[in-house]
Amino acid sequence: MPFSQAKSAAHADNRPAQPAVQVRKVIPVIPMTSLLIGLVAVALVLWRQFVPRPVGGYLSPVVLILAAVGLYSVQSFLQTVQVPSAALAAVAASIALVAVGFGVARGCTVRIWGEDGVAFRQGTWLTFALWLAGLLLHFASGILVTRLQGPAGLTIAAMPLYLAVTLGVQNAVVRSRSDGWARPTSLRC
């Protein structure tokens, strides 16, 4: 069949030919920024876990900064893409269940002792292992997000917020446990 006949046979309904379009997935800048901030924050937090230091307050500046960055990152990400409510629920569950649960568990593994009336803290290898497990579960929630037709970057965008919640909960448990040096009614693990 000559080319002109093949062309007319292909377009018998007089529709113009559709050009082949290549679709590329582009990772928005916000999740990459969140990922970098999150990786730096994880490195800083993990390093600080093993340095003996006095027990601080319930909310540290690191927690507040991570929370602010995380909220901004998630809000900015949600303005750039449409996210199904089921995918949002998966990330919210990761933060509510995984971050809080592992924060409590890690808070119970931190070694606490007193020197000159001051409570000190230091993470253990179990604390470190629980950090890794919690982070892996948070990133695994990204697989669930994509299966729910959500954008893969949502879990990354929420990483600073995840870190703020899990670290804040861990700090609260450690602080409550350290109050036992003064009060016997503190949290026991």
Protein backbone atom coordinates (compact mmCIF):
# COMPACT_ATOMS: atom_id res chain seq x y z
CA MET A 1 0.00 0.00 0.00
CA PRO A 2 1.47 3.39 -0.96
CA PHE A 3 2.26 5.86 1.83
CA SER A 4 -0.56 8.26 0.90
CA GLN A 5 -3.15 5.47 1.05
CA ALA A 6 -1.79 4.23 4.37
CA LYS A 7 -1.94 7.77 5.75
CA SER A 8 -5.51 8.27 4.58
CA ALA A 9 -6.56 4.85 5.89
CA ALA A 10 -5.07 5.68 9.31
CA HIS A 11 -6.95 8.97 9.45
CA ALA A 12 -10.22 7.90 7.93
CA ASP A 13 -12.15 9.93 10.50
CA ASN A 14 -10.21 13.12 9.53
CA ARG A 15 -8.63 13.60 12.97
CA PRO A 16 -5.16 15.12 12.98
CA ALA A 17 -2.37 12.79 13.91
CA GLN A 18 -1.43 12.95 17.59
CA PRO A 19 2.27 13.48 18.19
CA ALA A 20 4.00 10.94 20.37
CA VAL A 21 4.45 12.54 23.77
CA GLN A 22 7.09 11.42 26.18
CA VAL A 23 6.10 11.75 29.81
CA ARG A 24 8.87 12.40 32.31
CA LYS A 25 8.42 12.32 36.01
CA VAL A 26 9.93 15.43 37.53
CA ILE A 27 10.76 15.55 41.22
CA PRO A 28 9.71 18.94 42.55
CA VAL A 29 12.37 21.06 44.23
CA ILE A 30 10.53 21.08 47.56
CA PRO A 31 10.90 17.34 48.27
CA MET A 32 14.58 17.44 47.29
CA THR A 33 15.12 20.36 49.69
CA SER A 34 13.18 18.49 52.37
CA LEU A 35 15.24 15.38 51.70
CA LEU A 36 18.51 17.29 52.10
CA ILE A 37 17.29 19.05 55.24
CA GLY A 38 16.02 15.73 56.56
CA LEU A 39 19.29 13.92 55.89
CA VAL A 40 21.31 16.66 57.59
CA ALA A 41 18.85 16.66 60.50
CA VAL A 42 19.01 12.86 60.80
CA ALA A 43 22.82 12.95 60.84
CA LEU A 44 22.81 15.70 63.49
CA VAL A 45 20.18 13.96 65.63
CA LEU A 46 21.88 10.56 65.42
CA TRP A 47 25.23 12.08 66.33
CA ARG A 48 23.70 13.93 69.29
CA GLN A 49 22.07 10.70 70.50
CA PHE A 50 25.45 9.26 71.44
CA VAL A 51 26.96 12.35 73.04
CA PRO A 52 26.35 12.41 76.81
CA ARG A 53 24.54 15.64 77.65
CA PRO A 54 22.14 17.06 80.21
CA VAL A 55 18.47 16.29 79.72
CA GLY A 56 16.80 19.32 78.16
CA GLY A 57 13.24 20.55 78.10
CA TYR A 58 10.28 18.98 76.37
CA LEU A 59 10.65 21.09 73.20
CA SER A 60 14.12 21.67 71.88
CA PRO A 61 14.97 24.31 69.25
CA VAL A 62 15.78 21.48 66.81
CA VAL A 63 12.24 20.09 67.18
CA LEU A 64 10.67 23.51 66.65
CA ILE A 65 12.81 24.24 63.56
CA LEU A 66 12.08 20.81 62.05
CA ALA A 67 8.36 21.27 62.70
CA ALA A 68 8.32 24.68 61.00
CA VAL A 69 10.32 23.43 58.00
CA GLY A 70 8.17 20.30 57.78
CA LEU A 71 4.87 22.18 57.86
CA TYR A 72 6.12 24.63 55.23
CA SER A 73 7.45 21.80 53.06
CA VAL A 74 4.22 19.79 53.16
CA GLN A 75 2.05 22.88 52.60
CA SER A 76 4.20 23.99 49.65
CA PHE A 77 4.21 20.50 48.17
CA LEU A 78 0.42 20.24 48.43
CA GLN A 79 0.11 23.49 46.46
CA THR A 80 2.12 22.05 43.55
CA VAL A 81 0.41 18.68 43.11
CA GLN A 82 -2.95 17.11 43.72
CA VAL A 83 -2.84 14.44 46.38
CA PRO A 84 -5.61 11.91 46.92
CA SER A 85 -7.00 11.90 50.43
CA ALA A 86 -6.01 8.24 50.90
CA ALA A 87 -2.36 9.13 50.19
CA LEU A 88 -2.52 12.02 52.68
CA ALA A 89 -3.99 9.63 55.23
CA ALA A 90 -1.07 7.22 54.69
CA VAL A 91 1.49 9.94 55.40
CA ALA A 92 -0.53 11.20 58.38
CA ALA A 93 -0.65 7.63 59.74
CA SER A 94 3.11 7.33 59.29
CA ILE A 95 3.60 10.47 61.35
CA ALA A 96 0.93 9.67 63.93
CA LEU A 97 1.70 6.00 64.45
CA VAL A 98 5.27 5.34 63.36
CA ALA A 99 6.81 8.61 64.56
CA VAL A 100 5.01 8.58 67.90
CA GLY A 101 5.45 4.84 68.50
CA PHE A 102 9.15 4.81 67.71
CA GLY A 103 9.65 8.05 69.67
CA VAL A 104 8.23 6.40 72.78
CA ALA A 105 10.26 3.22 72.21
CA ARG A 106 13.50 5.15 71.68
CA GLY A 107 12.83 7.32 74.71
CA CYS A 108 12.74 4.14 76.78
CA THR A 109 16.12 2.98 75.45
CA VAL A 110 18.04 6.17 76.26
CA ARG A 111 20.38 5.74 79.23
CA ILE A 112 19.73 8.30 82.01
CA TRP A 113 21.94 8.95 85.01
CA GLY A 114 22.57 11.71 87.48
CA GLU A 115 25.72 13.70 88.26
CA ASP A 116 25.78 16.44 90.88
CA GLY A 117 21.99 16.67 90.88
CA VAL A 118 21.74 16.98 87.08
CA ALA A 119 20.17 14.29 84.90
CA PHE A 120 22.20 13.25 81.84
CA ARG A 121 21.20 11.25 78.79
CA GLN A 122 22.88 9.14 76.14
CA GLY A 123 21.46 6.93 73.40
CA THR A 124 22.30 3.26 73.13
CA TRP A 125 22.78 1.01 70.12
CA LEU A 126 19.16 -0.03 70.52
CA THR A 127 18.21 3.66 70.26
CA PHE A 128 20.16 3.81 66.99
CA ALA A 129 18.52 0.62 65.64
CA LEU A 130 15.07 2.01 66.46
CA TRP A 131 15.93 5.25 64.61
CA LEU A 132 16.83 3.26 61.51
CA ALA A 133 13.72 1.07 61.73
CA GLY A 134 11.43 4.09 62.15
CA LEU A 135 12.99 5.94 59.22
CA LEU A 136 12.70 2.84 57.02
CA LEU A 137 9.02 2.48 57.92
CA HIS A 138 8.40 6.15 57.15
CA PHE A 139 10.02 5.77 53.74
CA ALA A 140 8.11 2.52 53.20
CA SER A 141 4.92 4.52 53.63
CA GLY A 142 6.02 6.22 50.40
CA ILE A 143 5.40 2.91 48.60
CA LEU A 144 1.87 2.89 50.01
CA VAL A 145 1.39 6.52 48.91
CA THR A 146 2.30 5.66 45.31
CA ARG A 147 0.02 2.61 45.36
CA LEU A 148 -2.78 4.97 46.44
CA GLN A 149 -2.06 7.07 43.32
CA GLY A 150 -0.27 9.75 45.35
CA PRO A 151 2.98 11.50 44.40
CA ALA A 152 6.15 9.75 45.51
CA GLY A 153 7.61 13.00 46.86
CA LEU A 154 4.94 13.41 49.54
CA THR A 155 6.74 11.20 52.05
CA ILE A 156 9.99 13.06 51.41
CA ALA A 157 8.27 16.43 51.79
CA ALA A 158 6.89 15.23 55.15
CA MET A 159 10.27 13.99 56.41
CA PRO A 160 11.17 17.08 58.50
CA LEU A 161 7.72 16.96 60.09
CA TYR A 162 8.15 13.23 60.81
CA LEU A 163 11.51 13.97 62.43
CA ALA A 164 10.04 16.80 64.54
CA VAL A 165 7.25 14.59 65.88
CA THR A 166 9.38 11.53 66.60
CA LEU A 167 12.19 13.54 68.22
CA GLY A 168 9.71 15.61 70.23
CA VAL A 169 8.03 12.47 71.57
CA GLN A 170 11.39 10.89 72.40
CA ASN A 171 12.46 14.05 74.24
CA ALA A 172 9.20 14.08 76.20
CA VAL A 173 9.70 10.45 77.28
CA VAL A 174 13.33 11.05 78.25
CA ARG A 175 12.38 14.22 80.15
CA SER A 176 9.60 12.42 81.98
CA ARG A 177 11.93 9.54 82.86
CA SER A 178 14.61 11.95 84.08
CA ASP A 179 12.11 13.59 86.42
CA GLY A 180 12.36 10.36 88.39
CA TRP A 181 15.59 11.66 89.85
CA ALA A 182 13.44 14.15 91.75
CA ARG A 183 9.99 12.51 91.73
CA PRO A 184 9.18 8.80 91.88
CA THR A 185 5.97 9.37 89.81
CA SER A 186 7.75 9.83 86.48
CA LEU A 187 7.28 7.58 83.45
CA ARG A 188 8.88 4.18 83.77
CA CYS A 189 9.66 2.07 80.70
